[in-house]
Structure formats: structure tokens, C-alpha cells
ModelCIF file with pLDDT and N, C-alpha, C, O atoms, coordinates in Angstrom:
data_MODEL
#
_entry.id   MODEL 
#
_entity.id                         1 
_entity.type                       polymer 
_entity.pdbx_number_of_molecules   1 
#
_entity_poly.entity_id                      1 
_entity_poly.type                           'polypeptide(L)' 
_entity_poly.nstd_linkage                   no 
_entity_poly.nstd_monomer                   no 
_entity_poly.pdbx_seq_one_letter_code       
;(UNK)(UNK)(UNK)(UNK)(UNK)(UNK)(UNK)(UNK)(UNK)(UNK)(UNK)(UNK)(UNK)(UNK)(UNK)(UNK)
(UNK)(UNK)(UNK)(UNK)(UNK)(UNK)(UNK)(UNK)(UNK)(UNK)(UNK)(UNK)(UNK)(UNK)(UNK)(UNK)
(UNK)(UNK)(UNK)(UNK)(UNK)(UNK)(UNK)(UNK)(UNK)(UNK)(UNK)(UNK)(UNK)(UNK)(UNK)(UNK)
;
_entity_poly.pdbx_seq_one_letter_code_can   XXXXXXXXXXXXXXXXXXXXXXXXXXXXXXXXXXXXXXXXXXXXXXXX 
_entity_poly.pdbx_strand_id                 A 
#
loop_
_entity_poly_seq.entity_id 
_entity_poly_seq.num 
_entity_poly_seq.mon_id 
_entity_poly_seq.hetero 
1 1  UNK n 
1 2  UNK n 
1 3  UNK n 
1 4  UNK n 
1 5  UNK n 
1 6  UNK n 
1 7  UNK n 
1 8  UNK n 
1 9  UNK n 
1 10 UNK n 
1 11 UNK n 
1 12 UNK n 
1 13 UNK n 
1 14 UNK n 
1 15 UNK n 
1 16 UNK n 
1 17 UNK n 
1 18 UNK n 
1 19 UNK n 
1 20 UNK n 
1 21 UNK n 
1 22 UNK n 
1 23 UNK n 
1 24 UNK n 
1 25 UNK n 
1 26 UNK n 
1 27 UNK n 
1 28 UNK n 
1 29 UNK n 
1 30 UNK n 
1 31 UNK n 
1 32 UNK n 
1 33 UNK n 
1 34 UNK n 
1 35 UNK n 
1 36 UNK n 
1 37 UNK n 
1 38 UNK n 
1 39 UNK n 
1 40 UNK n 
1 41 UNK n 
1 42 UNK n 
1 43 UNK n 
1 44 UNK n 
1 45 UNK n 
1 46 UNK n 
1 47 UNK n 
1 48 UNK n 
#
_struct_asym.id          A 
_struct_asym.entity_id   1 
#
loop_
_ma_qa_metric.id 
_ma_qa_metric.mode 
_ma_qa_metric.name 
_ma_qa_metric.software_group_id 
_ma_qa_metric.type 
1 global pLDDT . pLDDT 
2 local  pLDDT . pLDDT 
#
_ma_qa_metric_global.metric_id      1 
_ma_qa_metric_global.metric_value   91.79 
_ma_qa_metric_global.model_id       1 
_ma_qa_metric_global.ordinal_id     1 
#
loop_
_ma_qa_metric_local.label_asym_id 
_ma_qa_metric_local.label_comp_id 
_ma_qa_metric_local.label_seq_id 
_ma_qa_metric_local.metric_id 
_ma_qa_metric_local.metric_value 
_ma_qa_metric_local.model_id 
_ma_qa_metric_local.ordinal_id 
A UNK 1  2 93.00 1 1  
A UNK 2  2 88.00 1 2  
A UNK 3  2 81.00 1 3  
A UNK 4  2 70.00 1 4  
A UNK 5  2 61.00 1 5  
A UNK 6  2 55.00 1 6  
A UNK 7  2 64.00 1 7  
A UNK 8  2 72.00 1 8  
A UNK 9  2 83.00 1 9  
A UNK 10 2 91.00 1 10 
A UNK 11 2 94.00 1 11 
A UNK 12 2 95.00 1 12 
A UNK 13 2 97.00 1 13 
A UNK 14 2 97.00 1 14 
A UNK 15 2 97.00 1 15 
A UNK 16 2 97.00 1 16 
A UNK 17 2 97.00 1 17 
A UNK 18 2 97.00 1 18 
A UNK 19 2 96.00 1 19 
A UNK 20 2 96.00 1 20 
A UNK 21 2 95.00 1 21 
A UNK 22 2 95.00 1 22 
A UNK 23 2 96.00 1 23 
A UNK 24 2 95.00 1 24 
A UNK 25 2 96.00 1 25 
A UNK 26 2 97.00 1 26 
A UNK 27 2 97.00 1 27 
A UNK 28 2 97.00 1 28 
A UNK 29 2 97.00 1 29 
A UNK 30 2 97.00 1 30 
A UNK 31 2 97.00 1 31 
A UNK 32 2 97.00 1 32 
A UNK 33 2 97.00 1 33 
A UNK 34 2 97.00 1 34 
A UNK 35 2 96.00 1 35 
A UNK 36 2 96.00 1 36 
A UNK 37 2 95.00 1 37 
A UNK 38 2 95.00 1 38 
A UNK 39 2 94.00 1 39 
A UNK 40 2 93.00 1 40 
A UNK 41 2 95.00 1 41 
A UNK 42 2 96.00 1 42 
A UNK 43 2 98.00 1 43 
A UNK 44 2 98.00 1 44 
A UNK 45 2 97.00 1 45 
A UNK 46 2 97.00 1 46 
A UNK 47 2 96.00 1 47 
A UNK 48 2 89.00 1 48 
#
loop_
_atom_site.group_PDB 
_atom_site.id 
_atom_site.type_symbol 
_atom_site.label_atom_id 
_atom_site.label_alt_id 
_atom_site.label_comp_id 
_atom_site.label_asym_id 
_atom_site.label_entity_id 
_atom_site.label_seq_id 
_atom_site.pdbx_PDB_ins_code 
_atom_site.Cartn_x 
_atom_site.Cartn_y 
_atom_site.Cartn_z 
_atom_site.occupancy 
_atom_site.B_iso_or_equiv 
_atom_site.pdbx_formal_charge 
_atom_site.auth_seq_id 
_atom_site.auth_comp_id 
_atom_site.auth_asym_id 
_atom_site.auth_atom_id 
_atom_site.pdbx_PDB_model_num 
ATOM 1   N N  . UNK A 1 1  ? -55.230 37.309 -1.185 1.00 93.00 ? 1  UNK A N  1 
ATOM 2   C CA . UNK A 1 1  ? -55.261 38.742 -1.422 1.00 93.00 ? 1  UNK A CA 1 
ATOM 3   C C  . UNK A 1 1  ? -54.774 39.156 -2.792 1.00 93.00 ? 1  UNK A C  1 
ATOM 4   O O  . UNK A 1 1  ? -54.929 40.313 -3.182 1.00 93.00 ? 1  UNK A O  1 
ATOM 5   N N  . UNK A 1 2  ? -54.178 38.214 -3.540 1.00 88.00 ? 2  UNK A N  1 
ATOM 6   C CA . UNK A 1 2  ? -53.699 38.544 -4.872 1.00 88.00 ? 2  UNK A CA 1 
ATOM 7   C C  . UNK A 1 2  ? -52.404 39.315 -4.884 1.00 88.00 ? 2  UNK A C  1 
ATOM 8   O O  . UNK A 1 2  ? -52.014 39.858 -5.918 1.00 88.00 ? 2  UNK A O  1 
ATOM 9   N N  . UNK A 1 3  ? -51.719 39.372 -3.733 1.00 81.00 ? 3  UNK A N  1 
ATOM 10  C CA . UNK A 1 3  ? -50.462 40.120 -3.673 1.00 81.00 ? 3  UNK A CA 1 
ATOM 11  C C  . UNK A 1 3  ? -49.359 39.351 -4.375 1.00 81.00 ? 3  UNK A C  1 
ATOM 12  O O  . UNK A 1 3  ? -49.283 38.127 -4.273 1.00 81.00 ? 3  UNK A O  1 
ATOM 13  N N  . UNK A 1 4  ? -48.500 40.075 -5.093 1.00 70.00 ? 4  UNK A N  1 
ATOM 14  C CA . UNK A 1 4  ? -47.360 39.439 -5.721 1.00 70.00 ? 4  UNK A CA 1 
ATOM 15  C C  . UNK A 1 4  ? -46.324 39.106 -4.650 1.00 70.00 ? 4  UNK A C  1 
ATOM 16  O O  . UNK A 1 4  ? -46.319 39.705 -3.575 1.00 70.00 ? 4  UNK A O  1 
ATOM 17  N N  . UNK A 1 5  ? -45.462 38.162 -4.947 1.00 61.00 ? 5  UNK A N  1 
ATOM 18  C CA . UNK A 1 5  ? -44.445 37.763 -3.990 1.00 61.00 ? 5  UNK A CA 1 
ATOM 19  C C  . UNK A 1 5  ? -44.883 36.555 -3.184 1.00 61.00 ? 5  UNK A C  1 
ATOM 20  O O  . UNK A 1 5  ? -45.981 36.034 -3.377 1.00 61.00 ? 5  UNK A O  1 
ATOM 21  N N  . UNK A 1 6  ? -44.028 36.116 -2.289 1.00 55.00 ? 6  UNK A N  1 
ATOM 22  C CA . UNK A 1 6  ? -44.280 34.933 -1.474 1.00 55.00 ? 6  UNK A CA 1 
ATOM 23  C C  . UNK A 1 6  ? -44.271 35.308 -0.014 1.00 55.00 ? 6  UNK A C  1 
ATOM 24  O O  . UNK A 1 6  ? -44.146 36.479 0.346  1.00 55.00 ? 6  UNK A O  1 
ATOM 25  N N  . UNK A 1 7  ? -44.405 34.299 0.822  1.00 64.00 ? 7  UNK A N  1 
ATOM 26  C CA . UNK A 1 7  ? -44.381 34.538 2.256  1.00 64.00 ? 7  UNK A CA 1 
ATOM 27  C C  . UNK A 1 7  ? -42.964 34.828 2.717  1.00 64.00 ? 7  UNK A C  1 
ATOM 28  O O  . UNK A 1 7  ? -42.037 34.869 1.908  1.00 64.00 ? 7  UNK A O  1 
ATOM 29  N N  . UNK A 1 8  ? -42.798 35.029 4.013  1.00 72.00 ? 8  UNK A N  1 
ATOM 30  C CA . UNK A 1 8  ? -41.482 35.358 4.542  1.00 72.00 ? 8  UNK A CA 1 
ATOM 31  C C  . UNK A 1 8  ? -40.474 34.266 4.211  1.00 72.00 ? 8  UNK A C  1 
ATOM 32  O O  . UNK A 1 8  ? -40.767 33.074 4.303  1.00 72.00 ? 8  UNK A O  1 
ATOM 33  N N  . UNK A 1 9  ? -39.280 34.701 3.823  1.00 83.00 ? 9  UNK A N  1 
ATOM 34  C CA . UNK A 1 9  ? -38.246 33.763 3.434  1.00 83.00 ? 9  UNK A CA 1 
ATOM 35  C C  . UNK A 1 9  ? -37.260 33.568 4.582  1.00 83.00 ? 9  UNK A C  1 
ATOM 36  O O  . UNK A 1 9  ? -36.979 34.490 5.347  1.00 83.00 ? 9  UNK A O  1 
ATOM 37  N N  . UNK A 1 10 ? -36.746 32.349 4.682  1.00 91.00 ? 10 UNK A N  1 
ATOM 38  C CA . UNK A 1 10 ? -35.677 32.092 5.635  1.00 91.00 ? 10 UNK A CA 1 
ATOM 39  C C  . UNK A 1 10 ? -34.410 32.801 5.176  1.00 91.00 ? 10 UNK A C  1 
ATOM 40  O O  . UNK A 1 10 ? -34.181 32.975 3.979  1.00 91.00 ? 10 UNK A O  1 
ATOM 41  N N  . UNK A 1 11 ? -33.589 33.208 6.145  1.00 94.00 ? 11 UNK A N  1 
ATOM 42  C CA . UNK A 1 11 ? -32.271 33.747 5.841  1.00 94.00 ? 11 UNK A CA 1 
ATOM 43  C C  . UNK A 1 11 ? -31.238 32.800 6.434  1.00 94.00 ? 11 UNK A C  1 
ATOM 44  O O  . UNK A 1 11 ? -31.551 32.012 7.327  1.00 94.00 ? 11 UNK A O  1 
ATOM 45  N N  . UNK A 1 12 ? -30.024 32.878 5.944  1.00 95.00 ? 12 UNK A N  1 
ATOM 46  C CA . UNK A 1 12 ? -28.952 32.029 6.446  1.00 95.00 ? 12 UNK A CA 1 
ATOM 47  C C  . UNK A 1 12 ? -28.449 32.570 7.778  1.00 95.00 ? 12 UNK A C  1 
ATOM 48  O O  . UNK A 1 12 ? -28.237 33.773 7.929  1.00 95.00 ? 12 UNK A O  1 
ATOM 49  N N  . UNK A 1 13 ? -28.260 31.675 8.738  1.00 97.00 ? 13 UNK A N  1 
ATOM 50  C CA . UNK A 1 13 ? -27.792 32.064 10.054 1.00 97.00 ? 13 UNK A CA 1 
ATOM 51  C C  . UNK A 1 13 ? -26.797 31.024 10.551 1.00 97.00 ? 13 UNK A C  1 
ATOM 52  O O  . UNK A 1 13 ? -26.572 30.003 9.901  1.00 97.00 ? 13 UNK A O  1 
ATOM 53  N N  . UNK A 1 14 ? -26.204 31.297 11.711 1.00 97.00 ? 14 UNK A N  1 
ATOM 54  C CA . UNK A 1 14 ? -25.189 30.431 12.298 1.00 97.00 ? 14 UNK A CA 1 
ATOM 55  C C  . UNK A 1 14 ? -25.560 30.168 13.752 1.00 97.00 ? 14 UNK A C  1 
ATOM 56  O O  . UNK A 1 14 ? -25.962 31.082 14.471 1.00 97.00 ? 14 UNK A O  1 
ATOM 57  N N  . UNK A 1 15 ? -25.425 28.925 14.180 1.00 97.00 ? 15 UNK A N  1 
ATOM 58  C CA . UNK A 1 15 ? -25.716 28.571 15.567 1.00 97.00 ? 15 UNK A CA 1 
ATOM 59  C C  . UNK A 1 15 ? -24.618 29.104 16.480 1.00 97.00 ? 15 UNK A C  1 
ATOM 60  O O  . UNK A 1 15 ? -23.430 28.997 16.177 1.00 97.00 ? 15 UNK A O  1 
ATOM 61  N N  . UNK A 1 16 ? -25.036 29.672 17.588 1.00 97.00 ? 16 UNK A N  1 
ATOM 62  C CA . UNK A 1 16 ? -24.096 30.096 18.622 1.00 97.00 ? 16 UNK A CA 1 
ATOM 63  C C  . UNK A 1 16 ? -24.219 29.233 19.854 1.00 97.00 ? 16 UNK A C  1 
ATOM 64  O O  . UNK A 1 16 ? -23.876 29.663 20.955 1.00 97.00 ? 16 UNK A O  1 
ATOM 65  N N  . UNK A 1 17 ? -24.708 28.015 19.679 1.00 97.00 ? 17 UNK A N  1 
ATOM 66  C CA . UNK A 1 17 ? -24.985 27.139 20.817 1.00 97.00 ? 17 UNK A CA 1 
ATOM 67  C C  . UNK A 1 17 ? -24.862 25.688 20.392 1.00 97.00 ? 17 UNK A C  1 
ATOM 68  O O  . UNK A 1 17 ? -24.721 25.383 19.207 1.00 97.00 ? 17 UNK A O  1 
ATOM 69  N N  . UNK A 1 18 ? -24.917 24.794 21.374 1.00 97.00 ? 18 UNK A N  1 
ATOM 70  C CA . UNK A 1 18 ? -24.893 23.352 21.124 1.00 97.00 ? 18 UNK A CA 1 
ATOM 71  C C  . UNK A 1 18 ? -26.154 22.726 21.701 1.00 97.00 ? 18 UNK A C  1 
ATOM 72  O O  . UNK A 1 18 ? -26.625 23.129 22.765 1.00 97.00 ? 18 UNK A O  1 
ATOM 73  N N  . UNK A 1 19 ? -26.701 21.735 20.992 1.00 96.00 ? 19 UNK A N  1 
ATOM 74  C CA . UNK A 1 19 ? -27.893 21.043 21.475 1.00 96.00 ? 19 UNK A CA 1 
ATOM 75  C C  . UNK A 1 19 ? -28.018 19.712 20.756 1.00 96.00 ? 19 UNK A C  1 
ATOM 76  O O  . UNK A 1 19 ? -27.530 19.548 19.638 1.00 96.00 ? 19 UNK A O  1 
ATOM 77  N N  . UNK A 1 20 ? -28.677 18.764 21.407 1.00 96.00 ? 20 UNK A N  1 
ATOM 78  C CA . UNK A 1 20 ? -29.005 17.489 20.780 1.00 96.00 ? 20 UNK A CA 1 
ATOM 79  C C  . UNK A 1 20 ? -30.520 17.404 20.638 1.00 96.00 ? 20 UNK A C  1 
ATOM 80  O O  . UNK A 1 20 ? -31.257 18.001 21.422 1.00 96.00 ? 20 UNK A O  1 
ATOM 81  N N  . UNK A 1 21 ? -30.984 16.655 19.628 1.00 95.00 ? 21 UNK A N  1 
ATOM 82  C CA . UNK A 1 21 ? -32.412 16.591 19.363 1.00 95.00 ? 21 UNK A CA 1 
ATOM 83  C C  . UNK A 1 21 ? -32.749 15.301 18.626 1.00 95.00 ? 21 UNK A C  1 
ATOM 84  O O  . UNK A 1 21 ? -31.869 14.621 18.097 1.00 95.00 ? 21 UNK A O  1 
ATOM 85  N N  . UNK A 1 22 ? -34.039 14.979 18.601 1.00 95.00 ? 22 UNK A N  1 
ATOM 86  C CA . UNK A 1 22 ? -34.515 13.840 17.838 1.00 95.00 ? 22 UNK A CA 1 
ATOM 87  C C  . UNK A 1 22 ? -34.731 14.267 16.393 1.00 95.00 ? 22 UNK A C  1 
ATOM 88  O O  . UNK A 1 22 ? -35.177 15.381 16.119 1.00 95.00 ? 22 UNK A O  1 
ATOM 89  N N  . UNK A 1 23 ? -34.412 13.373 15.487 1.00 96.00 ? 23 UNK A N  1 
ATOM 90  C CA . UNK A 1 23 ? -34.591 13.681 14.067 1.00 96.00 ? 23 UNK A CA 1 
ATOM 91  C C  . UNK A 1 23 ? -36.035 13.394 13.654 1.00 96.00 ? 23 UNK A C  1 
ATOM 92  O O  . UNK A 1 23 ? -36.816 12.822 14.414 1.00 96.00 ? 23 UNK A O  1 
ATOM 93  N N  . UNK A 1 24 ? -36.367 13.809 12.424 1.00 95.00 ? 24 UNK A N  1 
ATOM 94  C CA . UNK A 1 24 ? -37.665 13.469 11.851 1.00 95.00 ? 24 UNK A CA 1 
ATOM 95  C C  . UNK A 1 24 ? -38.587 14.643 11.627 1.00 95.00 ? 24 UNK A C  1 
ATOM 96  O O  . UNK A 1 24 ? -39.475 14.573 10.777 1.00 95.00 ? 24 UNK A O  1 
ATOM 97  N N  . UNK A 1 25 ? -38.399 15.744 12.381 1.00 96.00 ? 25 UNK A N  1 
ATOM 98  C CA . UNK A 1 25 ? -39.264 16.910 12.211 1.00 96.00 ? 25 UNK A CA 1 
ATOM 99  C C  . UNK A 1 25 ? -38.414 18.174 12.134 1.00 96.00 ? 25 UNK A C  1 
ATOM 100 O O  . UNK A 1 25 ? -37.462 18.340 12.896 1.00 96.00 ? 25 UNK A O  1 
ATOM 101 N N  . UNK A 1 26 ? -38.766 19.060 11.210 1.00 97.00 ? 26 UNK A N  1 
ATOM 102 C CA . UNK A 1 26 ? -38.122 20.367 11.165 1.00 97.00 ? 26 UNK A CA 1 
ATOM 103 C C  . UNK A 1 26 ? -38.545 21.148 12.401 1.00 97.00 ? 26 UNK A C  1 
ATOM 104 O O  . UNK A 1 26 ? -39.732 21.238 12.716 1.00 97.00 ? 26 UNK A O  1 
ATOM 105 N N  . UNK A 1 27 ? -37.566 21.709 13.094 1.00 97.00 ? 27 UNK A N  1 
ATOM 106 C CA . UNK A 1 27 ? -37.857 22.363 14.376 1.00 97.00 ? 27 UNK A CA 1 
ATOM 107 C C  . UNK A 1 27 ? -37.676 23.873 14.255 1.00 97.00 ? 27 UNK A C  1 
ATOM 108 O O  . UNK A 1 27 ? -36.730 24.356 13.635 1.00 97.00 ? 27 UNK A O  1 
ATOM 109 N N  . UNK A 1 28 ? -38.608 24.602 14.863 1.00 97.00 ? 28 UNK A N  1 
ATOM 110 C CA . UNK A 1 28 ? -38.581 26.067 14.878 1.00 97.00 ? 28 UNK A CA 1 
ATOM 111 C C  . UNK A 1 28 ? -38.443 26.527 16.329 1.00 97.00 ? 28 UNK A C  1 
ATOM 112 O O  . UNK A 1 28 ? -39.327 26.295 17.154 1.00 97.00 ? 28 UNK A O  1 
ATOM 113 N N  . UNK A 1 29 ? -37.328 27.179 16.624 1.00 97.00 ? 29 UNK A N  1 
ATOM 114 C CA . UNK A 1 29 ? -36.964 27.513 18.002 1.00 97.00 ? 29 UNK A CA 1 
ATOM 115 C C  . UNK A 1 29 ? -36.862 29.031 18.139 1.00 97.00 ? 29 UNK A C  1 
ATOM 116 O O  . UNK A 1 29 ? -36.121 29.658 17.382 1.00 97.00 ? 29 UNK A O  1 
ATOM 117 N N  . UNK A 1 30 ? -37.585 29.640 19.086 1.00 97.00 ? 30 UNK A N  1 
ATOM 118 C CA . UNK A 1 30 ? -37.397 31.076 19.317 1.00 97.00 ? 30 UNK A CA 1 
ATOM 119 C C  . UNK A 1 30 ? -35.928 31.373 19.614 1.00 97.00 ? 30 UNK A C  1 
ATOM 120 O O  . UNK A 1 30 ? -35.319 30.725 20.465 1.00 97.00 ? 30 UNK A O  1 
ATOM 121 N N  . UNK A 1 31 ? -35.373 32.336 18.922 1.00 97.00 ? 31 UNK A N  1 
ATOM 122 C CA . UNK A 1 31 ? -33.945 32.616 19.055 1.00 97.00 ? 31 UNK A CA 1 
ATOM 123 C C  . UNK A 1 31 ? -33.686 34.106 18.940 1.00 97.00 ? 31 UNK A C  1 
ATOM 124 O O  . UNK A 1 31 ? -34.430 34.851 18.302 1.00 97.00 ? 31 UNK A O  1 
ATOM 125 N N  . UNK A 1 32 ? -32.608 34.505 19.579 1.00 97.00 ? 32 UNK A N  1 
ATOM 126 C CA . UNK A 1 32 ? -32.191 35.903 19.572 1.00 97.00 ? 32 UNK A CA 1 
ATOM 127 C C  . UNK A 1 32 ? -30.878 36.032 18.812 1.00 97.00 ? 32 UNK A C  1 
ATOM 128 O O  . UNK A 1 32 ? -30.019 35.153 18.892 1.00 97.00 ? 32 UNK A O  1 
ATOM 129 N N  . UNK A 1 33 ? -30.724 37.120 18.082 1.00 97.00 ? 33 UNK A N  1 
ATOM 130 C CA . UNK A 1 33 ? -29.460 37.410 17.404 1.00 97.00 ? 33 UNK A CA 1 
ATOM 131 C C  . UNK A 1 33 ? -28.503 38.003 18.436 1.00 97.00 ? 33 UNK A C  1 
ATOM 132 O O  . UNK A 1 33 ? -28.760 39.075 18.985 1.00 97.00 ? 33 UNK A O  1 
ATOM 133 N N  . UNK A 1 34 ? -27.410 37.309 18.694 1.00 97.00 ? 34 UNK A N  1 
ATOM 134 C CA . UNK A 1 34 ? -26.461 37.774 19.711 1.00 97.00 ? 34 UNK A CA 1 
ATOM 135 C C  . UNK A 1 34 ? -25.236 38.435 19.096 1.00 97.00 ? 34 UNK A C  1 
ATOM 136 O O  . UNK A 1 34 ? -24.537 39.187 19.776 1.00 97.00 ? 34 UNK A O  1 
ATOM 137 N N  . UNK A 1 35 ? -24.961 38.171 17.822 1.00 96.00 ? 35 UNK A N  1 
ATOM 138 C CA . UNK A 1 35 ? -23.840 38.797 17.124 1.00 96.00 ? 35 UNK A CA 1 
ATOM 139 C C  . UNK A 1 35 ? -23.985 38.489 15.640 1.00 96.00 ? 35 UNK A C  1 
ATOM 140 O O  . UNK A 1 35 ? -24.990 37.931 15.200 1.00 96.00 ? 35 UNK A O  1 
ATOM 141 N N  . UNK A 1 36 ? -22.972 38.860 14.885 1.00 96.00 ? 36 UNK A N  1 
ATOM 142 C CA . UNK A 1 36 ? -22.952 38.531 13.465 1.00 96.00 ? 36 UNK A CA 1 
ATOM 143 C C  . UNK A 1 36 ? -21.558 38.035 13.084 1.00 96.00 ? 36 UNK A C  1 
ATOM 144 O O  . UNK A 1 36 ? -20.552 38.421 13.679 1.00 96.00 ? 36 UNK A O  1 
ATOM 145 N N  . UNK A 1 37 ? -21.535 37.181 12.090 1.00 95.00 ? 37 UNK A N  1 
ATOM 146 C CA . UNK A 1 37 ? -20.258 36.716 11.575 1.00 95.00 ? 37 UNK A CA 1 
ATOM 147 C C  . UNK A 1 37 ? -19.606 37.831 10.768 1.00 95.00 ? 37 UNK A C  1 
ATOM 148 O O  . UNK A 1 37 ? -20.268 38.814 10.435 1.00 95.00 ? 37 UNK A O  1 
ATOM 149 N N  . UNK A 1 38 ? -18.299 37.697 10.441 1.00 95.00 ? 38 UNK A N  1 
ATOM 150 C CA . UNK A 1 38 ? -17.670 38.725 9.591  1.00 95.00 ? 38 UNK A CA 1 
ATOM 151 C C  . UNK A 1 38 ? -18.404 38.931 8.272  1.00 95.00 ? 38 UNK A C  1 
ATOM 152 O O  . UNK A 1 38 ? -18.366 40.021 7.702  1.00 95.00 ? 38 UNK A O  1 
ATOM 153 N N  . UNK A 1 39 ? -19.076 37.881 7.783  1.00 94.00 ? 39 UNK A N  1 
ATOM 154 C CA . UNK A 1 39 ? -19.829 38.011 6.528  1.00 94.00 ? 39 UNK A CA 1 
ATOM 155 C C  . UNK A 1 39 ? -21.214 38.611 6.742  1.00 94.00 ? 39 UNK A C  1 
ATOM 156 O O  . UNK A 1 39 ? -21.943 38.844 5.778  1.00 94.00 ? 39 UNK A O  1 
ATOM 157 N N  . UNK A 1 40 ? -21.583 38.864 7.996  1.00 93.00 ? 40 UNK A N  1 
ATOM 158 C CA . UNK A 1 40 ? -22.866 39.501 8.276  1.00 93.00 ? 40 UNK A CA 1 
ATOM 159 C C  . UNK A 1 40 ? -23.993 38.563 8.641  1.00 93.00 ? 40 UNK A C  1 
ATOM 160 O O  . UNK A 1 40 ? -25.107 39.025 8.887  1.00 93.00 ? 40 UNK A O  1 
ATOM 161 N N  . UNK A 1 41 ? -23.748 37.248 8.688  1.00 95.00 ? 41 UNK A N  1 
ATOM 162 C CA . UNK A 1 41 ? -24.811 36.309 9.045  1.00 95.00 ? 41 UNK A CA 1 
ATOM 163 C C  . UNK A 1 41 ? -25.123 36.411 10.532 1.00 95.00 ? 41 UNK A C  1 
ATOM 164 O O  . UNK A 1 41 ? -24.204 36.516 11.344 1.00 95.00 ? 41 UNK A O  1 
ATOM 165 N N  . UNK A 1 42 ? -26.413 36.383 10.906 1.00 96.00 ? 42 UNK A N  1 
ATOM 166 C CA . UNK A 1 42 ? -26.755 36.452 12.328 1.00 96.00 ? 42 UNK A CA 1 
ATOM 167 C C  . UNK A 1 42 ? -26.331 35.183 13.066 1.00 96.00 ? 42 UNK A C  1 
ATOM 168 O O  . UNK A 1 42 ? -26.475 34.072 12.557 1.00 96.00 ? 42 UNK A O  1 
ATOM 169 N N  . UNK A 1 43 ? -25.808 35.376 14.271 1.00 98.00 ? 43 UNK A N  1 
ATOM 170 C CA . UNK A 1 43 ? -25.464 34.266 15.156 1.00 98.00 ? 43 UNK A CA 1 
ATOM 171 C C  . UNK A 1 43 ? -26.579 34.143 16.186 1.00 98.00 ? 43 UNK A C  1 
ATOM 172 O O  . UNK A 1 43 ? -26.926 35.124 16.843 1.00 98.00 ? 43 UNK A O  1 
ATOM 173 N N  . UNK A 1 44 ? -27.142 32.947 16.332 1.00 98.00 ? 44 UNK A N  1 
ATOM 174 C CA . UNK A 1 44 ? -28.370 32.750 17.090 1.00 98.00 ? 44 UNK A CA 1 
ATOM 175 C C  . UNK A 1 44 ? -28.133 32.055 18.418 1.00 98.00 ? 44 UNK A C  1 
ATOM 176 O O  . UNK A 1 44 ? -27.270 31.186 18.543 1.00 98.00 ? 44 UNK A O  1 
ATOM 177 N N  . UNK A 1 45 ? -28.916 32.454 19.402 1.00 97.00 ? 45 UNK A N  1 
ATOM 178 C CA . UNK A 1 45 ? -28.961 31.801 20.705 1.00 97.00 ? 45 UNK A CA 1 
ATOM 179 C C  . UNK A 1 45 ? -30.420 31.505 21.022 1.00 97.00 ? 45 UNK A C  1 
ATOM 180 O O  . UNK A 1 45 ? -31.247 32.416 20.987 1.00 97.00 ? 45 UNK A O  1 
ATOM 181 N N  . UNK A 1 46 ? -30.760 30.243 21.333 1.00 97.00 ? 46 UNK A N  1 
ATOM 182 C CA . UNK A 1 46 ? -32.165 29.914 21.605 1.00 97.00 ? 46 UNK A CA 1 
ATOM 183 C C  . UNK A 1 46 ? -32.632 30.502 22.926 1.00 97.00 ? 46 UNK A C  1 
ATOM 184 O O  . UNK A 1 46 ? -31.836 30.740 23.835 1.00 97.00 ? 46 UNK A O  1 
ATOM 185 N N  . UNK A 1 47 ? -33.927 30.731 23.017 1.00 96.00 ? 47 UNK A N  1 
ATOM 186 C CA . UNK A 1 47 ? -34.539 31.243 24.244 1.00 96.00 ? 47 UNK A CA 1 
ATOM 187 C C  . UNK A 1 47 ? -35.647 30.288 24.675 1.00 96.00 ? 47 UNK A C  1 
ATOM 188 O O  . UNK A 1 47 ? -36.223 29.576 23.853 1.00 96.00 ? 47 UNK A O  1 
ATOM 189 N N  . UNK A 1 48 ? -35.937 30.280 25.979 1.00 89.00 ? 48 UNK A N  1 
ATOM 190 C CA . UNK A 1 48 ? -37.026 29.471 26.492 1.00 89.00 ? 48 UNK A CA 1 
ATOM 191 C C  . UNK A 1 48 ? -36.576 28.074 26.853 1.00 89.00 ? 48 UNK A C  1 
ATOM 192 O O  . UNK A 1 48 ? -37.384 27.262 27.304 1.00 89.00 ? 48 UNK A O  1 
#
């Protein structure tokens, strides 16, 4: 489209949960913001 700028950028967040996983692939997990840190970073909880 010739639009200036780039696609959506990642923001810094903090995990609010524990999980184990296999390495080797970047994983994208649906998550909800449940709170924020004192610095304002979203705290995430996975869904599904």
C-alpha cells in the first residue's frame, strides 16, 4: 500500500503465570492483561 511505518510492534510485558515448553520455536499464546507492574508493563495470563 505504500504506507509509511512498519507492522505492529511488540511491547514489553511480564508473565503472570508459570509454564514449561519445548524450545526451538517462537510461541504466540492468546493472553489477557490481568494487571500492570508499577512501571506500567502489562502482566499477562494465557487463555485457552
